PDB file of N, CA and C in Angstrom:
ATOM      1  N   ARG A   1     152.418  68.624  99.526  1.00  0.00           N
ATOM      2  CA  ARG A   1     151.725  69.192  99.223  1.00  0.00           C
ATOM      3  C   ARG A   1     152.371  70.862 100.025  1.00  0.00           C
ATOM      4  N   VAL A   2     151.303  71.453  99.335  1.00  0.00           N
ATOM      5  CA  VAL A   2     151.939  73.190 100.299  1.00  0.00           C
ATOM      6  C   VAL A   2     151.497  73.071 101.281  1.00  0.00           C
ATOM      7  N   LEU A   3     152.821  74.223 102.561  1.00  0.00           N
ATOM      8  CA  LEU A   3     152.583  74.560 103.410  1.00  0.00           C
ATOM      9  C   LEU A   3     151.988  76.038 103.440  1.00  0.00           C
ATOM     10  N   PHE A   4     151.428  76.942 103.898  1.00  0.00           N
ATOM     11  CA  PHE A   4     151.641  77.947 103.662  1.00  0.00           C
ATOM     12  C   PHE A   4     152.550  78.750 105.138  1.00  0.00           C
ATOM     13  N   ARG A   5     152.476  79.986 104.977  1.00  0.00           N
ATOM     14  CA  ARG A   5     153.074  80.558 105.687  1.00  0.00           C
ATOM     15  C   ARG A   5     152.593  81.825 106.435  1.00  0.00           C
ATOM     16  N   SER A   6     151.371  81.863 105.910  1.00  0.00           N
ATOM     17  CA  SER A   6     150.086  82.746 106.210  1.00  0.00           C
ATOM     18  C   SER A   6     148.783  82.434 105.361  1.00  0.00           C
ATOM     19  N   ILE A   7     147.776  82.529 106.542  1.00  0.00           N
ATOM     20  CA  ILE A   7     145.905  82.415 106.278  1.00  0.00           C
ATOM     21  C   ILE A   7     145.056  83.273 106.506  1.00  0.00           C
ATOM     22  N   MET A   8     144.599  84.253 106.203  1.00  0.00           N
ATOM     23  CA  MET A   8     144.032  84.855 106.102  1.00  0.00           C
ATOM     24  C   MET A   8     142.079  84.217 106.050  1.00  0.00           C
ATOM     25  N   CYS A   9     142.031  84.402 107.259  1.00  0.00           N
ATOM     26  CA  CYS A   9     140.374  84.863 107.626  1.00  0.00           C
ATOM     27  C   CYS A   9     139.373  85.172 107.730  1.00  0.00           C
ATOM     28  N   LEU A  10     139.035  86.160 106.970  1.00  0.00           N
ATOM     29  CA  LEU A  10     138.035  87.298 107.335  1.00  0.00           C
ATOM     30  C   LEU A  10     137.161  86.815 107.123  1.00  0.00           C
ATOM     31  N   SER A  11     135.942  87.201 108.199  1.00  0.00           N
ATOM     32  CA  SER A  11     134.145  87.447 108.382  1.00  0.00           C
ATOM     33  C   SER A  11     133.493  86.664 107.541  1.00  0.00           C
ATOM     34  N   ILE A  12     133.663  85.293 108.043  1.00  0.00           N
ATOM     35  CA  ILE A  12     133.855  84.261 106.854  1.00  0.00           C
ATOM     36  C   ILE A  12     133.174  83.379 108.391  1.00  0.00           C
ATOM     37  N   THR A  13     133.358  82.933 109.307  1.00  0.00           N
ATOM     38  CA  THR A  13     133.386  82.055 110.173  1.00  0.00           C
ATOM     39  C   THR A  13     131.371  82.492 110.805  1.00  0.00           C
ATOM     40  N   LYS A  14     131.524  82.673 110.279  1.00  0.00           N
ATOM     41  CA  LYS A  14     129.653  83.121 110.747  1.00  0.00           C
ATOM     42  C   LYS A  14     129.020  82.329 109.363  1.00  0.00           C
ATOM     43  N   TRP A  15     129.666  82.577 108.727  1.00  0.00           N
ATOM     44  CA  TRP A  15     128.770  82.008 107.326  1.00  0.00           C
ATOM     45  C   TRP A  15     129.169  80.440 107.626  1.00  0.00           C
ATOM     46  N   ILE A  16     130.556  80.339 107.736  1.00  0.00           N
ATOM     47  CA  ILE A  16     130.577  78.219 107.666  1.00  0.00           C
ATOM     48  C   ILE A  16     129.761  77.926 109.054  1.00  0.00           C
ATOM     49  N   HIS A  17     128.916  78.550 109.823  1.00  0.00           N
ATOM     50  CA  HIS A  17     129.196  77.919 111.407  1.00  0.00           C
ATOM     51  C   HIS A  17     127.595  77.858 110.825  1.00  0.00           C
ATOM     52  N   PHE A  18     126.587  78.831 110.539  1.00  0.00           N
ATOM     53  CA  PHE A  18     125.902  78.668 109.988  1.00  0.00           C
ATOM     54  C   PHE A  18     125.156  77.433 108.449  1.00  0.00           C
ATOM     55  N   ASN A  19     126.598  77.634 107.586  1.00  0.00           N
ATOM     56  CA  ASN A  19     126.215  76.329 106.762  1.00  0.00           C
ATOM     57  C   ASN A  19     126.781  75.154 106.676  1.00  0.00           C
ATOM     58  N   TRP A  20     127.000  75.046 107.851  1.00  0.00           N
ATOM     59  CA  TRP A  20     128.113  73.613 108.238  1.00  0.00           C
ATOM     60  C   TRP A  20     128.709  73.106 109.944  1.00  0.00           C
ATOM     61  N   GLY A  21     127.552  74.138 110.576  1.00  0.00           N
ATOM     62  CA  GLY A  21     127.673  74.008 111.856  1.00  0.00           C
ATOM     63  C   GLY A  21     129.196  74.127 112.450  1.00  0.00           C
ATOM     64  N   ASP A  22     129.185  73.896 113.319  1.00  0.00           N
ATOM     65  CA  ASP A  22     130.346  73.783 114.585  1.00  0.00           C
ATOM     66  C   ASP A  22     131.189  72.271 114.364  1.00  0.00           C
ATOM     67  N   CYS A  23     130.795  71.516 113.672  1.00  0.00           N
ATOM     68  CA  CYS A  23     131.520  70.799 113.338  1.00  0.00           C
ATOM     69  C   CYS A  23     132.849  71.425 112.125  1.00  0.00           C
ATOM     70  N   GLY A  24     131.511  72.236 111.361  1.00  0.00           N
ATOM     71  CA  GLY A  24     132.091  72.736 110.089  1.00  0.00           C
ATOM     72  C   GLY A  24     133.453  74.411 110.764  1.00  0.00           C
ATOM     73  N   VAL A  25     133.209  74.840 111.254  1.00  0.00           N
ATOM     74  CA  VAL A  25     134.027  75.692 112.022  1.00  0.00           C
ATOM     75  C   VAL A  25     135.317  74.866 112.614  1.00  0.00           C
ATOM     76  N   ARG A  26     135.293  73.720 113.571  1.00  0.00           N
ATOM     77  CA  ARG A  26     136.235  72.771 114.195  1.00  0.00           C
ATOM     78  C   ARG A  26     136.985  72.440 112.717  1.00  0.00           C
ATOM     79  N   ARG A  27     135.830  72.177 112.099  1.00  0.00           N
ATOM     80  CA  ARG A  27     136.787  71.556 110.314  1.00  0.00           C
ATOM     81  C   ARG A  27     137.494  72.114 109.928  1.00  0.00           C
ATOM     82  N   LEU A  28     137.394  74.201 109.763  1.00  0.00           N
ATOM     83  CA  LEU A  28     137.993  74.804 109.021  1.00  0.00           C
ATOM     84  C   LEU A  28     139.333  75.228 109.820  1.00  0.00           C
ATOM     85  N   PHE A  29     139.001  75.274 111.281  1.00  0.00           N
ATOM     86  CA  PHE A  29     139.988  75.958 111.585  1.00  0.00           C
ATOM     87  C   PHE A  29     141.798  74.196 111.815  1.00  0.00           C
ATOM     88  N   LYS A  30     140.997  73.658 111.893  1.00  0.00           N
ATOM     89  CA  LYS A  30     141.800  72.551 111.365  1.00  0.00           C
ATOM     90  C   LYS A  30     142.060  72.362 110.629  1.00  0.00           C
ATOM     91  N   LYS A  31     141.723  72.327 109.192  1.00  0.00           N
ATOM     92  CA  LYS A  31     142.498  72.397 108.418  1.00  0.00           C
ATOM     93  C   LYS A  31     143.638  73.508 108.008  1.00  0.00           C
ATOM     94  N   ILE A  32     143.362  74.539 108.884  1.00  0.00           N
ATOM     95  CA  ILE A  32     144.253  75.970 108.698  1.00  0.00           C
ATOM     96  C   ILE A  32     145.307  75.296 108.902  1.00  0.00           C
ATOM     97  N   TYR A  33     145.323  74.781 110.172  1.00  0.00           N
ATOM     98  CA  TYR A  33     146.115  74.352 111.485  1.00  0.00           C
ATOM     99  C   TYR A  33     147.164  73.975 110.763  1.00  0.00           C
ATOM    100  N   ASP A  34     146.837  72.181 109.807  1.00  0.00           N
ATOM    101  CA  ASP A  34     147.104  71.581 109.258  1.00  0.00           C
ATOM    102  C   ASP A  34     148.406  71.886 107.541  1.00  0.00           C
ATOM    103  N   SER A  35     147.703  73.758 107.087  1.00  0.00           N
ATOM    104  CA  SER A  35     147.911  74.178 106.025  1.00  0.00           C
ATOM    105  C   SER A  35     148.740  74.945 106.313  1.00  0.00           C
ATOM    106  N   LEU A  36     149.508  74.889 107.313  1.00  0.00           N
ATOM    107  CA  LEU A  36     149.977  75.798 107.532  1.00  0.00           C
ATOM    108  C   LEU A  36     151.495  75.545 107.799  1.00  0.00           C
ATOM    109  N   ARG A  37     152.724  76.401 107.666  1.00  0.00           N
ATOM    110  CA  ARG A  37     154.230  75.342 108.112  1.00  0.00           C
ATOM    111  C   ARG A  37     154.141  76.220 109.466  1.00  0.00           C
ATOM    112  N   PRO A  38     155.383  75.374 109.584  1.00  0.00           N
ATOM    113  CA  PRO A  38     155.515  75.173 111.788  1.00  0.00           C
ATOM    114  C   PRO A  38     155.680  77.461 111.467  1.00  0.00           C
ATOM    115  N   GLY A  39     155.613  77.733 112.444  1.00  0.00           N
ATOM    116  CA  GLY A  39     155.779  79.198 112.392  1.00  0.00           C
ATOM    117  C   GLY A  39     154.970  80.368 111.601  1.00  0.00           C
ATOM    118  N   GLY A  40     154.391  79.271 110.612  1.00  0.00           N
ATOM    119  CA  GLY A  40     153.031  80.386 110.470  1.00  0.00           C
ATOM    120  C   GLY A  40     152.051  81.034 110.891  1.00  0.00           C
ATOM    121  N   ILE A  41     151.927  81.909 110.248  1.00  0.00           N
ATOM    122  CA  ILE A  41     150.262  82.988 110.944  1.00  0.00           C
ATOM    123  C   ILE A  41     149.228  82.855 110.676  1.00  0.00           C
ATOM    124  N   LEU A  42     148.104  82.539 111.668  1.00  0.00           N
ATOM    125  CA  LEU A  42     146.546  83.003 111.233  1.00  0.00           C
ATOM    126  C   LEU A  42     146.051  84.524 111.688  1.00  0.00           C
ATOM    127  N   ILE A  43     145.829  84.807 110.168  1.00  0.00           N
ATOM    128  CA  ILE A  43     144.745  85.952 110.639  1.00  0.00           C
ATOM    129  C   ILE A  43     143.066  85.716 110.427  1.00  0.00           C
ATOM    130  N   LEU A  44     142.642  86.044 111.998  1.00  0.00           N
ATOM    131  CA  LEU A  44     141.735  86.157 111.809  1.00  0.00           C
ATOM    132  C   LEU A  44     140.798  86.773 112.146  1.00  0.00           C
ATOM    133  N   GLU A  45     139.081  86.967 111.774  1.00  0.00           N
ATOM    134  CA  GLU A  45     138.890  88.289 112.141  1.00  0.00           C
ATOM    135  C   GLU A  45     136.660  87.589 111.942  1.00  0.00           C
ATOM    136  N   PRO A  46     137.125  87.162 113.556  1.00  0.00           N
ATOM    137  CA  PRO A  46     135.377  86.203 114.114  1.00  0.00           C
ATOM    138  C   PRO A  46     134.722  87.697 114.024  1.00  0.00           C
ATOM    139  N   GLN A  47     132.921  87.391 112.752  1.00  0.00           N
ATOM    140  CA  GLN A  47     132.040  88.146 113.653  1.00  0.00           C
ATOM    141  C   GLN A  47     131.636  87.956 114.660  1.00  0.00           C
ATOM    142  N   GLU A  48     131.459  89.033 115.286  1.00  0.00           N
ATOM    143  CA  GLU A  48     130.595  89.329 116.209  1.00  0.00           C
ATOM    144  C   GLU A  48     129.746  88.588 116.629  1.00  0.00           C
ATOM    145  N   TRP A  49     128.843  87.573 118.642  1.00  0.00           N
ATOM    146  CA  TRP A  49     127.498  86.882 118.560  1.00  0.00           C
ATOM    147  C   TRP A  49     126.046  88.187 117.563  1.00  0.00           C
ATOM    148  N   LYS A  50     126.143  88.933 117.874  1.00  0.00           N
ATOM    149  CA  LYS A  50     125.313  90.235 117.962  1.00  0.00           C
ATOM    150  C   LYS A  50     125.171  89.644 116.234  1.00  0.00           C
ATOM    151  N   SER A  51     126.496  89.751 115.150  1.00  0.00           N
ATOM    152  CA  SER A  51     126.061  90.115 114.094  1.00  0.00           C
ATOM    153  C   SER A  51     125.236  88.051 114.282  1.00  0.00           C
ATOM    154  N   TYR A  52     125.577  87.023 114.701  1.00  0.00           N
ATOM    155  CA  TYR A  52     125.085  86.018 114.050  1.00  0.00           C
ATOM    156  C   TYR A  52     124.052  86.166 114.538  1.00  0.00           C
ATOM    157  N   LYS A  53     122.803  86.256 115.962  1.00  0.00           N
ATOM    158  CA  LYS A  53     121.553  87.713 115.841  1.00  0.00           C
ATOM    159  C   LYS A  53     120.517  87.600 114.636  1.00  0.00           C
ATOM    160  N   LYS A  54     121.958  88.353 114.297  1.00  0.00           N
ATOM    161  CA  LYS A  54     121.184  89.789 112.765  1.00  0.00           C
ATOM    162  C   LYS A  54     120.399  88.822 112.097  1.00  0.00           C
ATOM    163  N   LYS A  55     121.426  87.373 111.149  1.00  0.00           N
ATOM    164  CA  LYS A  55     121.332  86.631 110.372  1.00  0.00           C
ATOM    165  C   LYS A  55     120.472  85.677 110.150  1.00  0.00           C
ATOM    166  N   LYS A  56     120.429  84.733 111.164  1.00  0.00           N
ATOM    167  CA  LYS A  56     119.886  84.280 111.821  1.00  0.00           C
ATOM    168  C   LYS A  56     118.197  83.523 111.450  1.00  0.00           C
ATOM    169  N   TYR A  57     118.402  85.216 110.838  1.00  0.00           N
ATOM    170  CA  TYR A  57     116.578  84.856 110.040  1.00  0.00           C
ATOM    171  C   TYR A  57     116.068  84.960 109.135  1.00  0.00           C
ATOM    172  N   LEU A  58     117.340  84.610 108.611  1.00  0.00           N
ATOM    173  CA  LEU A  58     117.758  84.569 106.827  1.00  0.00           C
ATOM    174  C   LEU A  58     116.677  83.288 106.139  1.00  0.00           C
ATOM    175  N   THR A  59     117.410  82.444 107.580  1.00  0.00           N
ATOM    176  CA  THR A  59     116.382  80.916 106.230  1.00  0.00           C
ATOM    177  C   THR A  59     116.398  80.643 107.598  1.00  0.00           C
ATOM    178  N   GLU A  60     114.804  79.488 107.852  1.00  0.00           N
ATOM    179  CA  GLU A  60     114.820  78.283 108.844  1.00  0.00           C
ATOM    180  C   GLU A  60     115.871  77.477 109.622  1.00  0.00           C
ATOM    181  N   GLU A  61     116.668  77.493 108.323  1.00  0.00           N
ATOM    182  CA  GLU A  61     118.045  76.270 109.321  1.00  0.00           C
ATOM    183  C   GLU A  61     119.310  77.197 109.695  1.00  0.00           C
ATOM    184  N   PHE A  62     118.792  78.260 109.219  1.00  0.00           N
ATOM    185  CA  PHE A  62     120.199  79.103 109.805  1.00  0.00           C
ATOM    186  C   PHE A  62     119.464  79.263 111.174  1.00  0.00           C
ATOM    187  N   LYS A  63     117.932  79.380 111.951  1.00  0.00           N
ATOM    188  CA  LYS A  63     117.501  79.430 112.794  1.00  0.00           C
ATOM    189  C   LYS A  63     117.390  77.931 113.867  1.00  0.00           C
ATOM    190  N   GLN A  64     117.472  77.070 113.585  1.00  0.00           N
ATOM    191  CA  GLN A  64     117.557  76.498 113.877  1.00  0.00           C
ATOM    192  C   GLN A  64     118.991  76.387 114.156  1.00  0.00           C
ATOM    193  N   VAL A  65     120.089  76.197 113.365  1.00  0.00           N
ATOM    194  CA  VAL A  65     121.769  76.503 113.646  1.00  0.00           C
ATOM    195  C   VAL A  65     121.953  76.988 114.510  1.00  0.00           C
ATOM    196  N   TYR A  66     121.692  78.100 114.899  1.00  0.00           N
ATOM    197  CA  TYR A  66     121.788  79.321 115.412  1.00  0.00           C
ATOM    198  C   TYR A  66     122.152  78.797 117.799  1.00  0.00           C
ATOM    199  N   LYS A  67     120.031  78.232 117.331  1.00  0.00           N
ATOM    200  CA  LYS A  67     120.194  77.448 118.423  1.00  0.00           C
ATOM    201  C   LYS A  67     120.659  76.581 119.268  1.00  0.00           C
ATOM    202  N   LYS A  68     121.602  76.020 118.044  1.00  0.00           N
ATOM    203  CA  LYS A  68     122.973  74.721 118.646  1.00  0.00           C
ATOM    204  C   LYS A  68     124.063  75.509 118.349  1.00  0.00           C
ATOM    205  N   ILE A  69     123.915  76.308 118.146  1.00  0.00           N
ATOM    206  CA  ILE A  69     125.928  76.736 118.451  1.00  0.00           C
ATOM    207  C   ILE A  69     126.647  76.492 119.749  1.00  0.00           C
ATOM    208  N   GLN A  70     127.551  76.420 119.498  1.00  0.00           N
ATOM    209  CA  GLN A  70     128.460  75.803 121.181  1.00  0.00           C
ATOM    210  C   GLN A  70     130.254  76.942 121.139  1.00  0.00           C
ATOM    211  N   PRO A  71     130.510  76.142 119.588  1.00  0.00           N
ATOM    212  CA  PRO A  71     131.449  77.511 120.060  1.00  0.00           C
ATOM    213  C   PRO A  71     131.196  79.451 119.402  1.00  0.00           C
ATOM    214  N   ARG A  72     131.184  79.547 120.426  1.00  0.00           N
ATOM    215  CA  ARG A  72     130.582  81.124 120.542  1.00  0.00           C
ATOM    216  C   ARG A  72     131.502  81.756 119.451  1.00  0.00           C
ATOM    217  N   PRO A  73     131.715  82.689 118.956  1.00  0.00           N
ATOM    218  CA  PRO A  73     133.567  83.235 118.553  1.00  0.00           C
ATOM    219  C   PRO A  73     134.078  84.010 119.949  1.00  0.00           C
ATOM    220  N   ASN A  74     133.193  84.231 120.833  1.00  0.00           N
ATOM    221  CA  ASN A  74     134.256  84.582 121.765  1.00  0.00           C
ATOM    222  C   ASN A  74     135.448  83.624 122.374  1.00  0.00           C
ATOM    223  N   LEU A  75     134.141  82.391 122.220  1.00  0.00           N
ATOM    224  CA  LEU A  75     135.306  81.465 122.323  1.00  0.00           C
ATOM    225  C   LEU A  75     136.587  80.462 121.623  1.00  0.00           C
ATOM    226  N   PHE A  76     136.433  80.852 120.143  1.00  0.00           N
ATOM    227  CA  PHE A  76     137.565  80.587 119.283  1.00  0.00           C
ATOM    228  C   PHE A  76     138.962  80.948 119.202  1.00  0.00           C
ATOM    229  N   GLN A  77     139.193  81.726 120.192  1.00  0.00           N
ATOM    230  CA  GLN A  77     140.836  82.123 121.382  1.00  0.00           C
ATOM    231  C   GLN A  77     140.897  80.857 121.690  1.00  0.00           C
ATOM    232  N   ASN A  78     140.732  79.822 122.869  1.00  0.00           N
ATOM    233  CA  ASN A  78     140.020  78.852 123.554  1.00  0.00           C
ATOM    234  C   ASN A  78     140.978  77.740 122.793  1.00  0.00           C
ATOM    235  N   TYR A  79     139.660  77.325 121.355  1.00  0.00           N
ATOM    236  CA  TYR A  79     139.673  76.452 120.975  1.00  0.00           C
ATOM    237  C   TYR A  79     141.205  76.634 120.097  1.00  0.00           C
ATOM    238  N   LEU A  80     141.951  77.451 119.709  1.00  0.00           N
ATOM    239  CA  LEU A  80     142.570  77.503 118.697  1.00  0.00           C
ATOM    240  C   LEU A  80     144.097  76.461 119.536  1.00  0.00           C
ATOM    241  N   VAL A  81     143.784  77.570 120.788  1.00  0.00           N
ATOM    242  CA  VAL A  81     145.425  77.940 121.464  1.00  0.00           C
ATOM    243  C   VAL A  81     144.975  76.413 122.026  1.00  0.00           C
ATOM    244  N   GLN A  82     144.486  75.815 123.015  1.00  0.00           N
ATOM    245  CA  GLN A  82     143.666  74.825 123.911  1.00  0.00           C
ATOM    246  C   GLN A  82     143.529  73.324 122.869  1.00  0.00           C
ATOM    247  N   ARG A  83     142.887  73.475 122.315  1.00  0.00           N
ATOM    248  CA  ARG A  83     142.627  72.626 121.476  1.00  0.00           C
ATOM    249  C   ARG A  83     143.763  72.109 120.785  1.00  0.00           C
ATOM    250  N   LEU A  84     144.144  72.712 119.402  1.00  0.00           N
ATOM    251  CA  LEU A  84     145.081  72.988 118.474  1.00  0.00           C
ATOM    252  C   LEU A  84     146.229  73.571 118.613  1.00  0.00           C
ATOM    253  N   GLY A  85     146.528  74.110 119.315  1.00  0.00           N
ATOM    254  CA  GLY A  85     148.226  74.175 119.586  1.00  0.00           C
ATOM    255  C   GLY A  85     148.911  75.444 119.183  1.00  0.00           C
ATOM    256  N   PHE A  86     147.583  76.396 119.251  1.00  0.00           N
ATOM    257  CA  PHE A  86     148.530  77.658 118.038  1.00  0.00           C
ATOM    258  C   PHE A  86     148.514  78.135 119.379  1.00  0.00           C
ATOM    259  N   THR A  87     150.004  79.290 118.889  1.00  0.00           N
ATOM    260  CA  THR A  87     149.839  80.204 120.014  1.00  0.00           C
ATOM    261  C   THR A  87     149.183  81.532 120.063  1.00  0.00           C
ATOM    262  N   TYR A  88     148.981  82.630 121.378  1.00  0.00           N
ATOM    263  CA  TYR A  88     148.373  84.119 120.267  1.00  0.00           C
ATOM    264  C   TYR A  88     148.907  84.766 120.456  1.00  0.00           C
ATOM    265  N   VAL A  89     149.265  85.343 119.363  1.00  0.00           N
ATOM    266  CA  VAL A  89     150.520  86.299 118.937  1.00  0.00           C
ATOM    267  C   VAL A  89     149.479  87.808 119.802  1.00  0.00           C
ATOM    268  N   THR A  90     148.591  88.445 119.546  1.00  0.00           N
ATOM    269  CA  THR A  90     148.293  89.323 119.726  1.00  0.00           C
ATOM    270  C   THR A  90     146.651  89.767 118.668  1.00  0.00           C
ATOM    271  N   LYS A  91     146.119  90.775 119.543  1.00  0.00           N
ATOM    272  CA  LYS A  91     145.047  91.033 118.755  1.00  0.00           C
ATOM    273  C   LYS A  91     145.220  92.717 118.633  1.00  0.00           C
ATOM    274  N   ILE A  92     144.323  93.274 117.140  1.00  0.00           N
ATOM    275  CA  ILE A  92     144.647  94.360 116.362  1.00  0.00           C
ATOM    276  C   ILE A  92     143.238  94.843 117.132  1.00  0.00           C
ATOM    277  N   VAL A  93     143.231  95.675 117.833  1.00  0.00           N
ATOM    278  CA  VAL A  93     141.907  96.518 117.834  1.00  0.00           C
ATOM    279  C   VAL A  93     141.379  97.764 117.068  1.00  0.00           C
ATOM    280  N   PRO A  94     140.588  97.985 116.121  1.00  0.00           N
ATOM    281  CA  PRO A  94     140.775  99.276 115.570  1.00  0.00           C
ATOM    282  C   PRO A  94     140.279 100.247 115.965  1.00  0.00           C
ATOM    283  N   ASP A  95     140.937 101.690 115.607  1.00  0.00           N
ATOM    284  CA  ASP A  95     140.819 103.254 116.316  1.00  0.00           C
ATOM    285  C   ASP A  95     139.384 103.402 115.972  1.00  0.00           C
ATOM    286  N   LEU A  96     138.751 102.798 116.707  1.00  0.00           N
ATOM    287  CA  LEU A  96     136.824 103.565 116.228  1.00  0.00           C
ATOM    288  C   LEU A  96     137.063 105.087 116.072  1.00  0.00           C
ATOM    289  N   ASN A  97     137.644 105.186 116.326  1.00  0.00           N
ATOM    290  CA  ASN A  97     137.430 107.374 116.319  1.00  0.00           C
ATOM    291  C   ASN A  97     138.145 107.347 114.402  1.00  0.00           C
ATOM    292  N   ASN A  98     138.740 106.489 113.714  1.00  0.00           N
ATOM    293  CA  ASN A  98     139.366 106.712 112.491  1.00  0.00           C
ATOM    294  C   ASN A  98     139.173 105.699 111.772  1.00  0.00           C
ATOM    295  N   VAL A  99     137.731 104.924 112.048  1.00  0.00           N
ATOM    296  CA  VAL A  99     136.765 104.068 111.661  1.00  0.00           C
ATOM    297  C   VAL A  99     136.192 104.090 110.807  1.00  0.00           C
ATOM    298  N   LYS A 100     135.614 104.510 109.135  1.00  0.00           N
ATOM    299  CA  LYS A 100     134.625 105.040 108.546  1.00  0.00           C
ATOM    300  C   LYS A 100     133.145 104.678 109.452  1.00  0.00           C
ATOM    301  N   ALA A 101     132.009 105.320 109.779  1.00  0.00           N
ATOM    302  CA  ALA A 101     130.789 105.186 110.217  1.00  0.00           C
ATOM    303  C   ALA A 101     130.870 103.643 109.063  1.00  0.00           C
ATOM    304  N   GLU A 102     131.082 103.076 108.322  1.00  0.00           N
ATOM    305  CA  GLU A 102     130.030 101.834 106.797  1.00  0.00           C
ATOM    306  C   GLU A 102     131.488 100.964 106.905  1.00  0.00           C
ATOM    307  N   GLY A 103     132.601 100.979 107.895  1.00  0.00           N
ATOM    308  CA  GLY A 103     133.854 100.222 108.118  1.00  0.00           C
ATOM    309  C   GLY A 103     132.970  98.861 109.203  1.00  0.00           C
ATOM    310  N   PHE A 104     133.879  98.337 108.989  1.00  0.00           N
ATOM    311  CA  PHE A 104     133.957  96.997 110.348  1.00  0.00           C
ATOM    312  C   PHE A 104     134.674  97.229 111.419  1.00  0.00           C
ATOM    313  N   LYS A 105     134.112  97.019 112.073  1.00  0.00           N
ATOM    314  CA  LYS A 105     134.796  97.592 113.499  1.00  0.00           C
ATOM    315  C   LYS A 105     135.375  96.898 114.419  1.00  0.00           C
ATOM    316  N   ARG A 106     135.419  94.851 113.760  1.00  0.00           N
ATOM    317  CA  ARG A 106     136.009  94.089 114.550  1.00  0.00           C
ATOM    318  C   ARG A 106     137.612  94.134 114.628  1.00  0.00           C
ATOM    319  N   PRO A 107     137.749  93.475 115.834  1.00  0.00           N
ATOM    320  CA  PRO A 107     139.307  92.841 116.322  1.00  0.00           C
ATOM    321  C   PRO A 107     139.411  91.828 115.452  1.00  0.00           C
ATOM    322  N   ILE A 108     140.594  92.236 114.854  1.00  0.00           N
ATOM    323  CA  ILE A 108     142.315  91.282 114.543  1.00  0.00           C
ATOM    324  C   ILE A 108     142.646  90.113 115.187  1.00  0.00           C
ATOM    325  N   PHE A 109     142.743  88.658 114.651  1.00  0.00           N
ATOM    326  CA  PHE A 109     143.679  88.232 115.861  1.00  0.00           C
ATOM    327  C   PHE A 109     144.496  87.177 115.107  1.00  0.00           C
ATOM    328  N   ILE A 110     145.838  87.381 115.734  1.00  0.00           N
ATOM    329  CA  ILE A 110     147.130  86.747 114.756  1.00  0.00           C
ATOM    330  C   ILE A 110     146.719  85.975 116.005  1.00  0.00           C
ATOM    331  N   PHE A 111     148.214  84.368 115.761  1.00  0.00           N
ATOM    332  CA  PHE A 111     148.061  83.047 116.041  1.00  0.00           C
ATOM    333  C   PHE A 111     148.668  83.218 114.910  1.00  0.00           C
ATOM    334  N   GLN A 112     150.195  82.175 116.106  1.00  0.00           N
ATOM    335  CA  GLN A 112     151.089  81.283 115.099  1.00  0.00           C
ATOM    336  C   GLN A 112     150.783  79.881 115.461  1.00  0.00           C
ATOM    337  N   LYS A 113     151.434  78.872 114.413  1.00  0.00           N
ATOM    338  CA  LYS A 113     151.141  77.269 114.448  1.00  0.00           C
ATOM    339  C   LYS A 113     153.376  77.760 115.191  1.00  0.00           C
ATOM    340  N   PRO A 114     153.185  76.685 116.137  1.00  0.00           N
ATOM    341  CA  PRO A 114     154.636  76.329 117.117  1.00  0.00           C
ATOM    342  C   PRO A 114     155.969  76.119 115.229  1.00  0.00           C
ATOM    343  N   SER A 115     157.098  75.997 115.651  1.00  0.00           N
ATOM    344  CA  SER A 115     158.095  75.579 115.389  1.00  0.00           C
ATOM    345  C   SER A 115     158.057  74.602 115.151  1.00  0.00           C
TER     346      SER A 115
END
């Protein structure tokens, strides 16, 4: 089995949440943890809750899933650290003065699997 030094998870947690619910997000994070070698890095860019609100109307299924979502994106860090054992490394916050209007303005979180 191949273990990775780093895994990037950019702008997909919302879609996993909508399509597979809370258990899908937890399964994703566990699979990432298991796929990293000791000392490996997770680079995570979760979408904000307001982004979920905008997309919940795309389908009736999304609307139903939205009502049941428990680990909102602001709780992902706690889950990754307290439940899975990642170490929180840092949060990279974009300089909003230098971001193009159409660009993403979300922070990126860095976690490390213990050695």
